[in-house]
Amino acid sequence: MTAPTPTYPAPGPETIRKALRAVKDPELNLNIIDIGLIYDVEVSEAGDVIVRMTLTSPGCPAGGEIIEDVRRVVGDLEGVKSAEVELVWDPYWTPDRMDPRVRAFLGF
């Protein structure tokens, strides 16, 4: 008889946001939290996660890679049963969404 697999509580939105700092925009080499690409993180009690995010532009060449990295990072967290990424364009991303320190560093 095998032991039951331990279950973990679903992580909170802030834990997920912290984990998403590991995902970088390969063009800017900055994490997607600091550049303001994550709009919302929703977590159900069952561990289903929806991340609503945008990209710097609809034609972002790294978009697919970034979205897959988000899905992988969130899906690898203990307590996450499923990870879905919803790409949104409203509100449209602008440099104003960046962390002020990053914006200053980049000269915006």
C-alpha atoms as a PDB file:
ATOM      1  CA  MET A   1       0.000   0.000   0.000  1.00  0.00           C
ATOM      2  CA  THR A   2       1.366   3.395  -0.955  1.00  0.00           C
ATOM      3  CA  ALA A   3       1.148   6.443   1.258  1.00  0.00           C
ATOM      4  CA  PRO A   4      -1.255   9.157   0.125  1.00  0.00           C
ATOM      5  CA  THR A   5       0.273  12.113  -1.661  1.00  0.00           C
ATOM      6  CA  PRO A   6       0.414  15.083   0.698  1.00  0.00           C
ATOM      7  CA  THR A   7      -1.781  17.999  -0.260  1.00  0.00           C
ATOM      8  CA  TYR A   8      -0.697  21.580   0.162  1.00  0.00           C
ATOM      9  CA  PRO A   9      -2.901  24.632   0.549  1.00  0.00           C
ATOM     10  CA  ALA A  10      -3.136  26.894  -2.483  1.00  0.00           C
ATOM     11  CA  PRO A  11      -0.595  29.720  -2.409  1.00  0.00           C
ATOM     12  CA  GLY A  12      -1.870  33.268  -2.089  1.00  0.00           C
ATOM     13  CA  PRO A  13      -1.662  35.870  -4.869  1.00  0.00           C
ATOM     14  CA  GLU A  14       1.359  37.562  -3.250  1.00  0.00           C
ATOM     15  CA  THR A  15       3.277  34.265  -3.130  1.00  0.00           C
ATOM     16  CA  ILE A  16       2.529  33.782  -6.816  1.00  0.00           C
ATOM     17  CA  ARG A  17       3.601  37.346  -7.649  1.00  0.00           C
ATOM     18  CA  LYS A  18       6.847  36.765  -5.761  1.00  0.00           C
ATOM     19  CA  ALA A  19       7.482  33.567  -7.758  1.00  0.00           C
ATOM     20  CA  LEU A  20       6.764  35.423 -11.007  1.00  0.00           C
ATOM     21  CA  ARG A  21       9.762  37.659 -10.357  1.00  0.00           C
ATOM     22  CA  ALA A  22      11.755  34.732 -11.802  1.00  0.00           C
ATOM     23  CA  VAL A  23      10.122  35.299 -15.212  1.00  0.00           C
ATOM     24  CA  LYS A  24      12.015  37.825 -17.292  1.00  0.00           C
ATOM     25  CA  ASP A  25      11.239  39.654 -20.491  1.00  0.00           C
ATOM     26  CA  PRO A  26      14.173  38.412 -22.579  1.00  0.00           C
ATOM     27  CA  GLU A  27      14.394  41.671 -24.522  1.00  0.00           C
ATOM     28  CA  LEU A  28      14.626  43.909 -21.442  1.00  0.00           C
ATOM     29  CA  ASN A  29      16.187  41.286 -19.124  1.00  0.00           C
ATOM     30  CA  LEU A  30      13.869  42.551 -16.367  1.00  0.00           C
ATOM     31  CA  ASN A  31      11.254  40.580 -14.450  1.00  0.00           C
ATOM     32  CA  ILE A  32       7.637  40.841 -15.552  1.00  0.00           C
ATOM     33  CA  ILE A  33       6.457  42.090 -12.147  1.00  0.00           C
ATOM     34  CA  ASP A  34       8.734  45.150 -12.163  1.00  0.00           C
ATOM     35  CA  ILE A  35       7.832  46.067 -15.737  1.00  0.00           C
ATOM     36  CA  GLY A  36       4.126  45.853 -14.912  1.00  0.00           C
ATOM     37  CA  LEU A  37       2.976  42.990 -17.133  1.00  0.00           C
ATOM     38  CA  ILE A  38       0.964  41.196 -14.412  1.00  0.00           C
ATOM     39  CA  TYR A  39      -2.468  42.749 -13.914  1.00  0.00           C
ATOM     40  CA  ASP A  40      -4.203  40.236 -11.640  1.00  0.00           C
ATOM     41  CA  VAL A  41      -3.667  36.881  -9.934  1.00  0.00           C
ATOM     42  CA  GLU A  42      -6.746  34.887  -8.936  1.00  0.00           C
ATOM     43  CA  VAL A  43      -6.461  31.728  -6.828  1.00  0.00           C
ATOM     44  CA  SER A  44      -9.312  29.349  -5.982  1.00  0.00           C
ATOM     45  CA  GLU A  45      -9.343  27.337  -2.755  1.00  0.00           C
ATOM     46  CA  ALA A  46      -8.831  24.222  -4.876  1.00  0.00           C
ATOM     47  CA  GLY A  47      -5.557  25.598  -6.233  1.00  0.00           C
ATOM     48  CA  ASP A  48      -6.669  26.737  -9.684  1.00  0.00           C
ATOM     49  CA  VAL A  49      -4.757  29.879 -10.655  1.00  0.00           C
ATOM     50  CA  ILE A  50      -5.573  32.447 -13.316  1.00  0.00           C
ATOM     51  CA  VAL A  51      -2.930  35.044 -14.127  1.00  0.00           C
ATOM     52  CA  ARG A  52      -4.162  38.029 -16.123  1.00  0.00           C
ATOM     53  CA  MET A  53      -1.289  39.697 -17.877  1.00  0.00           C
ATOM     54  CA  THR A  54      -0.334  41.764 -20.871  1.00  0.00           C
ATOM     55  CA  LEU A  55       2.722  42.227 -23.032  1.00  0.00           C
ATOM     56  CA  THR A  56       4.571  45.422 -23.936  1.00  0.00           C
ATOM     57  CA  SER A  57       2.964  45.233 -27.396  1.00  0.00           C
ATOM     58  CA  PRO A  58       0.633  42.888 -29.308  1.00  0.00           C
ATOM     59  CA  GLY A  59       3.523  41.999 -31.628  1.00  0.00           C
ATOM     60  CA  CYS A  60       5.974  41.199 -28.805  1.00  0.00           C
ATOM     61  CA  PRO A  61       8.289  38.556 -30.305  1.00  0.00           C
ATOM     62  CA  ALA A  62       8.940  37.029 -26.872  1.00  0.00           C
ATOM     63  CA  GLY A  63       5.241  36.830 -25.925  1.00  0.00           C
ATOM     64  CA  GLY A  64       4.849  33.077 -26.311  1.00  0.00           C
ATOM     65  CA  GLU A  65       8.010  32.398 -24.314  1.00  0.00           C
ATOM     66  CA  ILE A  66       6.960  34.744 -21.493  1.00  0.00           C
ATOM     67  CA  ILE A  67       3.459  33.235 -21.272  1.00  0.00           C
ATOM     68  CA  GLU A  68       4.851  29.687 -21.137  1.00  0.00           C
ATOM     69  CA  ASP A  69       7.353  30.731 -18.449  1.00  0.00           C
ATOM     70  CA  VAL A  70       4.477  32.181 -16.379  1.00  0.00           C
ATOM     71  CA  ARG A  71       2.461  28.980 -16.777  1.00  0.00           C
ATOM     72  CA  ARG A  72       5.471  26.828 -15.793  1.00  0.00           C
ATOM     73  CA  VAL A  73       6.536  28.921 -12.777  1.00  0.00           C
ATOM     74  CA  VAL A  74       2.990  29.094 -11.366  1.00  0.00           C
ATOM     75  CA  GLY A  75       2.272  25.429 -12.137  1.00  0.00           C
ATOM     76  CA  ASP A  76       5.420  24.342 -10.281  1.00  0.00           C
ATOM     77  CA  LEU A  77       4.319  25.954  -6.993  1.00  0.00           C
ATOM     78  CA  GLU A  78       3.148  23.618  -4.239  1.00  0.00           C
ATOM     79  CA  GLY A  79      -0.624  23.686  -3.903  1.00  0.00           C
ATOM     80  CA  VAL A  80      -1.294  24.769  -7.505  1.00  0.00           C
ATOM     81  CA  LYS A  81      -3.599  22.338  -9.291  1.00  0.00           C
ATOM     82  CA  SER A  82      -3.803  24.241 -12.594  1.00  0.00           C
ATOM     83  CA  ALA A  83      -2.281  27.414 -14.014  1.00  0.00           C
ATOM     84  CA  GLU A  84      -3.996  29.435 -16.714  1.00  0.00           C
ATOM     85  CA  VAL A  85      -2.683  32.614 -18.326  1.00  0.00           C
ATOM     86  CA  GLU A  86      -5.198  35.078 -19.712  1.00  0.00           C
ATOM     87  CA  LEU A  87      -3.678  37.645 -22.049  1.00  0.00           C
ATOM     88  CA  VAL A  88      -5.455  41.009 -21.804  1.00  0.00           C
ATOM     89  CA  TRP A  89      -5.007  44.304 -23.615  1.00  0.00           C
ATOM     90  CA  ASP A  90      -7.216  46.522 -21.480  1.00  0.00           C
ATOM     91  CA  PRO A  91      -5.710  48.577 -20.062  1.00  0.00           C
ATOM     92  CA  TYR A  92      -3.012  48.733 -22.690  1.00  0.00           C
ATOM     93  CA  TRP A  93       0.514  48.527 -21.262  1.00  0.00           C
ATOM     94  CA  THR A  94       2.547  51.741 -21.038  1.00  0.00           C
ATOM     95  CA  PRO A  95       5.857  52.486 -19.279  1.00  0.00           C
ATOM     96  CA  ASP A  96       3.780  54.083 -16.490  1.00  0.00           C
ATOM     97  CA  ARG A  97       2.971  50.529 -15.310  1.00  0.00           C
ATOM     98  CA  MET A  98       6.641  49.903 -14.496  1.00  0.00           C
ATOM     99  CA  ASP A  99       8.042  50.051 -10.993  1.00  0.00           C
ATOM    100  CA  PRO A 100       9.252  53.695 -10.653  1.00  0.00           C
ATOM    101  CA  ARG A 101      12.849  52.573  -9.947  1.00  0.00           C
ATOM    102  CA  VAL A 102      12.906  50.473 -13.122  1.00  0.00           C
ATOM    103  CA  ARG A 103      11.352  53.287 -15.133  1.00  0.00           C
ATOM    104  CA  ALA A 104      14.075  55.680 -13.899  1.00  0.00           C
ATOM    105  CA  PHE A 105      16.786  53.107 -14.634  1.00  0.00           C
ATOM    106  CA  LEU A 106      15.541  52.759 -18.209  1.00  0.00           C
ATOM    107  CA  GLY A 107      15.287  56.533 -18.643  1.00  0.00           C
ATOM    108  CA  PHE A 108      11.482  56.868 -18.861  1.00  0.00           C
END
